[in-house]
């Protein structure tokens, strides 16, 4: 549980700092036999800042809880 708590804390902090990322997708627009027209689009995948805070808090709770059980 201690390791999971540390991982969640790090992930939560990263989610606060990095608010999302861009993914490039390719979409087929026209397909006329040997002729194809494709369109590349950038899509933003993001999350709210408070989600990173929640993940970090859950990590802290797990870390403190595992220390109390072992201590």
N, C-alpha and C. Protein backbone atom coordinates (compact mmCIF):
# COMPACT_ATOMS: atom_id res chain seq x y z
N UNK A 1 0.83 -1.20 0.00
CA UNK A 1 0.00 0.00 0.00
C UNK A 1 0.87 1.25 0.00
N UNK A 2 2.04 1.15 0.64
CA UNK A 2 2.93 2.29 0.70
C UNK A 2 3.38 2.69 -0.71
N UNK A 3 3.71 1.69 -1.53
CA UNK A 3 4.15 1.96 -2.90
C UNK A 3 3.03 2.58 -3.73
N UNK A 4 1.82 2.05 -3.58
CA UNK A 4 0.67 2.60 -4.30
C UNK A 4 0.41 4.05 -3.89
N UNK A 5 0.56 4.33 -2.60
CA UNK A 5 0.38 5.70 -2.11
C UNK A 5 1.38 6.66 -2.73
N UNK A 6 2.63 6.24 -2.81
CA UNK A 6 3.68 7.09 -3.40
C UNK A 6 3.41 7.30 -4.88
N UNK A 7 3.00 6.23 -5.58
CA UNK A 7 2.69 6.36 -7.01
C UNK A 7 1.53 7.33 -7.22
N UNK A 8 0.50 7.25 -6.39
CA UNK A 8 -0.65 8.15 -6.53
C UNK A 8 -0.27 9.60 -6.23
N UNK A 9 0.60 9.80 -5.26
CA UNK A 9 1.05 11.17 -4.96
C UNK A 9 1.79 11.75 -6.16
N UNK A 10 2.71 10.98 -6.72
CA UNK A 10 3.48 11.45 -7.88
C UNK A 10 2.54 11.70 -9.07
N UNK A 11 1.59 10.77 -9.31
CA UNK A 11 0.65 10.94 -10.42
C UNK A 11 -0.23 12.17 -10.21
N UNK A 12 -0.67 12.40 -8.98
CA UNK A 12 -1.50 13.56 -8.68
C UNK A 12 -0.78 14.86 -8.93
N UNK A 13 0.48 14.92 -8.50
CA UNK A 13 1.28 16.14 -8.73
C UNK A 13 1.50 16.35 -10.23
N UNK A 14 1.77 15.25 -10.95
CA UNK A 14 1.95 15.36 -12.40
C UNK A 14 0.66 15.83 -13.08
N UNK A 15 -0.49 15.36 -12.60
CA UNK A 15 -1.77 15.78 -13.18
C UNK A 15 -2.05 17.26 -12.93
N UNK A 16 -1.56 17.78 -11.80
CA UNK A 16 -1.74 19.20 -11.52
C UNK A 16 -0.85 20.04 -12.43
N UNK A 17 0.39 19.59 -12.62
CA UNK A 17 1.35 20.34 -13.43
C UNK A 17 1.02 20.22 -14.92
N UNK A 18 0.79 18.98 -15.38
CA UNK A 18 0.49 18.72 -16.79
C UNK A 18 -1.02 18.52 -16.89
N UNK A 19 -1.71 19.45 -17.46
CA UNK A 19 -3.18 19.44 -17.44
C UNK A 19 -3.81 18.64 -18.56
N UNK A 20 -3.00 17.99 -19.37
CA UNK A 20 -3.53 17.18 -20.45
C UNK A 20 -2.48 17.00 -21.53
N UNK A 21 -2.90 16.37 -22.62
CA UNK A 21 -1.98 16.17 -23.73
C UNK A 21 -2.78 16.13 -25.02
N UNK A 22 -2.07 16.32 -26.12
CA UNK A 22 -2.70 16.35 -27.43
C UNK A 22 -2.41 15.04 -28.16
N UNK A 23 -3.44 14.52 -28.83
CA UNK A 23 -3.31 13.29 -29.60
C UNK A 23 -3.69 13.59 -31.04
N UNK A 24 -2.87 13.13 -31.97
CA UNK A 24 -3.18 13.35 -33.38
C UNK A 24 -3.89 12.12 -33.94
N UNK A 25 -5.04 12.35 -34.53
CA UNK A 25 -5.81 11.27 -35.14
C UNK A 25 -5.93 11.53 -36.64
N UNK A 26 -6.09 10.44 -37.38
CA UNK A 26 -6.24 10.56 -38.83
C UNK A 26 -7.61 10.02 -39.21
N UNK A 27 -8.34 10.82 -39.98
CA UNK A 27 -9.70 10.47 -40.36
C UNK A 27 -9.79 10.41 -41.89
N UNK A 28 -10.43 9.35 -42.38
CA UNK A 28 -10.60 9.20 -43.82
C UNK A 28 -11.78 10.07 -44.25
N UNK A 29 -11.53 11.00 -45.18
CA UNK A 29 -12.56 11.92 -45.64
C UNK A 29 -13.19 11.40 -46.93
N UNK A 30 -12.36 11.00 -47.89
CA UNK A 30 -12.86 10.52 -49.18
C UNK A 30 -12.09 9.26 -49.56
N UNK A 31 -12.81 8.25 -50.05
CA UNK A 31 -12.18 7.03 -50.52
C UNK A 31 -12.78 6.68 -51.88
N UNK A 32 -12.05 7.01 -52.95
CA UNK A 32 -12.51 6.75 -54.32
C UNK A 32 -11.58 5.73 -54.98
N UNK A 33 -11.67 4.50 -54.55
CA UNK A 33 -10.80 3.45 -55.11
C UNK A 33 -9.36 3.69 -54.72
N UNK A 34 -8.50 3.95 -55.73
CA UNK A 34 -7.09 4.15 -55.42
C UNK A 34 -6.79 5.53 -54.81
N UNK A 35 -7.76 6.43 -54.86
CA UNK A 35 -7.56 7.78 -54.34
C UNK A 35 -8.19 7.88 -52.95
N UNK A 36 -7.37 8.29 -51.99
CA UNK A 36 -7.85 8.48 -50.62
C UNK A 36 -7.48 9.87 -50.15
N UNK A 37 -8.38 10.51 -49.44
CA UNK A 37 -8.09 11.81 -48.84
C UNK A 37 -8.27 11.63 -47.33
N UNK A 38 -7.20 11.89 -46.58
CA UNK A 38 -7.23 11.76 -45.13
C UNK A 38 -7.03 13.13 -44.49
N UNK A 39 -7.60 13.28 -43.33
CA UNK A 39 -7.48 14.53 -42.59
C UNK A 39 -6.89 14.23 -41.22
N UNK A 40 -5.86 14.97 -40.84
CA UNK A 40 -5.25 14.80 -39.51
C UNK A 40 -5.84 15.84 -38.57
N UNK A 41 -6.27 15.39 -37.41
CA UNK A 41 -6.85 16.28 -36.41
C UNK A 41 -6.11 16.13 -35.10
N UNK A 42 -5.96 17.23 -34.41
CA UNK A 42 -5.39 17.20 -33.07
C UNK A 42 -6.53 17.25 -32.07
N UNK A 43 -6.55 16.28 -31.16
CA UNK A 43 -7.58 16.24 -30.11
C UNK A 43 -6.89 16.45 -28.77
N UNK A 44 -7.50 17.23 -27.91
CA UNK A 44 -6.96 17.51 -26.59
C UNK A 44 -7.62 16.58 -25.58
N UNK A 45 -6.80 15.85 -24.84
CA UNK A 45 -7.27 14.99 -23.77
C UNK A 45 -6.83 15.65 -22.47
N UNK A 46 -7.79 16.13 -21.71
CA UNK A 46 -7.44 16.86 -20.50
C UNK A 46 -8.28 16.42 -19.32
N UNK A 47 -7.90 16.89 -18.15
CA UNK A 47 -8.63 16.61 -16.92
C UNK A 47 -8.62 17.86 -16.07
N UNK A 48 -9.58 18.00 -15.20
CA UNK A 48 -9.61 19.19 -14.34
C UNK A 48 -8.48 19.14 -13.31
N UNK A 49 -8.05 20.30 -12.87
CA UNK A 49 -6.95 20.40 -11.92
C UNK A 49 -7.29 19.71 -10.60
N UNK A 50 -8.55 19.80 -10.17
CA UNK A 50 -8.91 19.21 -8.89
C UNK A 50 -8.79 17.68 -8.92
N UNK A 51 -8.84 17.07 -10.09
CA UNK A 51 -8.68 15.62 -10.18
C UNK A 51 -7.28 15.21 -9.74
N UNK A 52 -6.28 15.98 -10.12
CA UNK A 52 -4.92 15.71 -9.66
C UNK A 52 -4.79 15.87 -8.16
N UNK A 53 -5.48 16.87 -7.61
CA UNK A 53 -5.46 17.06 -6.16
C UNK A 53 -6.11 15.90 -5.43
N UNK A 54 -7.21 15.39 -5.98
CA UNK A 54 -7.89 14.26 -5.35
C UNK A 54 -7.00 13.02 -5.38
N UNK A 55 -6.35 12.78 -6.51
CA UNK A 55 -5.45 11.61 -6.62
C UNK A 55 -4.31 11.73 -5.62
N UNK A 56 -3.73 12.93 -5.48
CA UNK A 56 -2.64 13.13 -4.53
C UNK A 56 -3.11 12.93 -3.10
N UNK A 57 -4.30 13.43 -2.75
CA UNK A 57 -4.83 13.26 -1.39
C UNK A 57 -5.08 11.79 -1.09
N UNK A 58 -5.62 11.05 -2.05
CA UNK A 58 -5.83 9.61 -1.84
C UNK A 58 -4.49 8.92 -1.61
N UNK A 59 -3.46 9.33 -2.34
CA UNK A 59 -2.12 8.77 -2.13
C UNK A 59 -1.60 9.05 -0.74
N UNK A 60 -1.81 10.26 -0.25
CA UNK A 60 -1.37 10.62 1.11
C UNK A 60 -2.12 9.79 2.14
N UNK A 61 -3.42 9.61 1.95
CA UNK A 61 -4.23 8.82 2.88
C UNK A 61 -3.72 7.37 2.91
N UNK A 62 -3.45 6.81 1.74
CA UNK A 62 -2.92 5.44 1.70
C UNK A 62 -1.56 5.34 2.37
N UNK A 63 -0.71 6.32 2.15
CA UNK A 63 0.62 6.32 2.74
C UNK A 63 0.55 6.43 4.25
N UNK A 64 -0.27 7.34 4.76
CA UNK A 64 -0.41 7.51 6.21
C UNK A 64 -1.07 6.28 6.82
N UNK A 65 -2.08 5.74 6.15
CA UNK A 65 -2.75 4.54 6.65
C UNK A 65 -1.83 3.34 6.73
N UNK A 66 -0.95 3.19 5.75
CA UNK A 66 -0.02 2.05 5.78
C UNK A 66 1.04 2.24 6.85
N UNK A 67 1.42 3.49 7.14
CA UNK A 67 2.39 3.75 8.21
C UNK A 67 1.79 3.47 9.58
N UNK A 68 0.52 3.76 9.78
CA UNK A 68 -0.14 3.53 11.06
C UNK A 68 -0.29 2.03 11.33
N UNK A 69 -0.55 1.24 10.30
CA UNK A 69 -0.69 -0.20 10.47
C UNK A 69 0.64 -0.85 10.81
N UNK A 70 1.70 -0.36 10.17
CA UNK A 70 3.02 -0.96 10.39
C UNK A 70 3.68 -0.44 11.65
N UNK A 71 3.28 0.72 12.11
CA UNK A 71 3.95 1.39 13.23
C UNK A 71 3.41 0.97 14.50
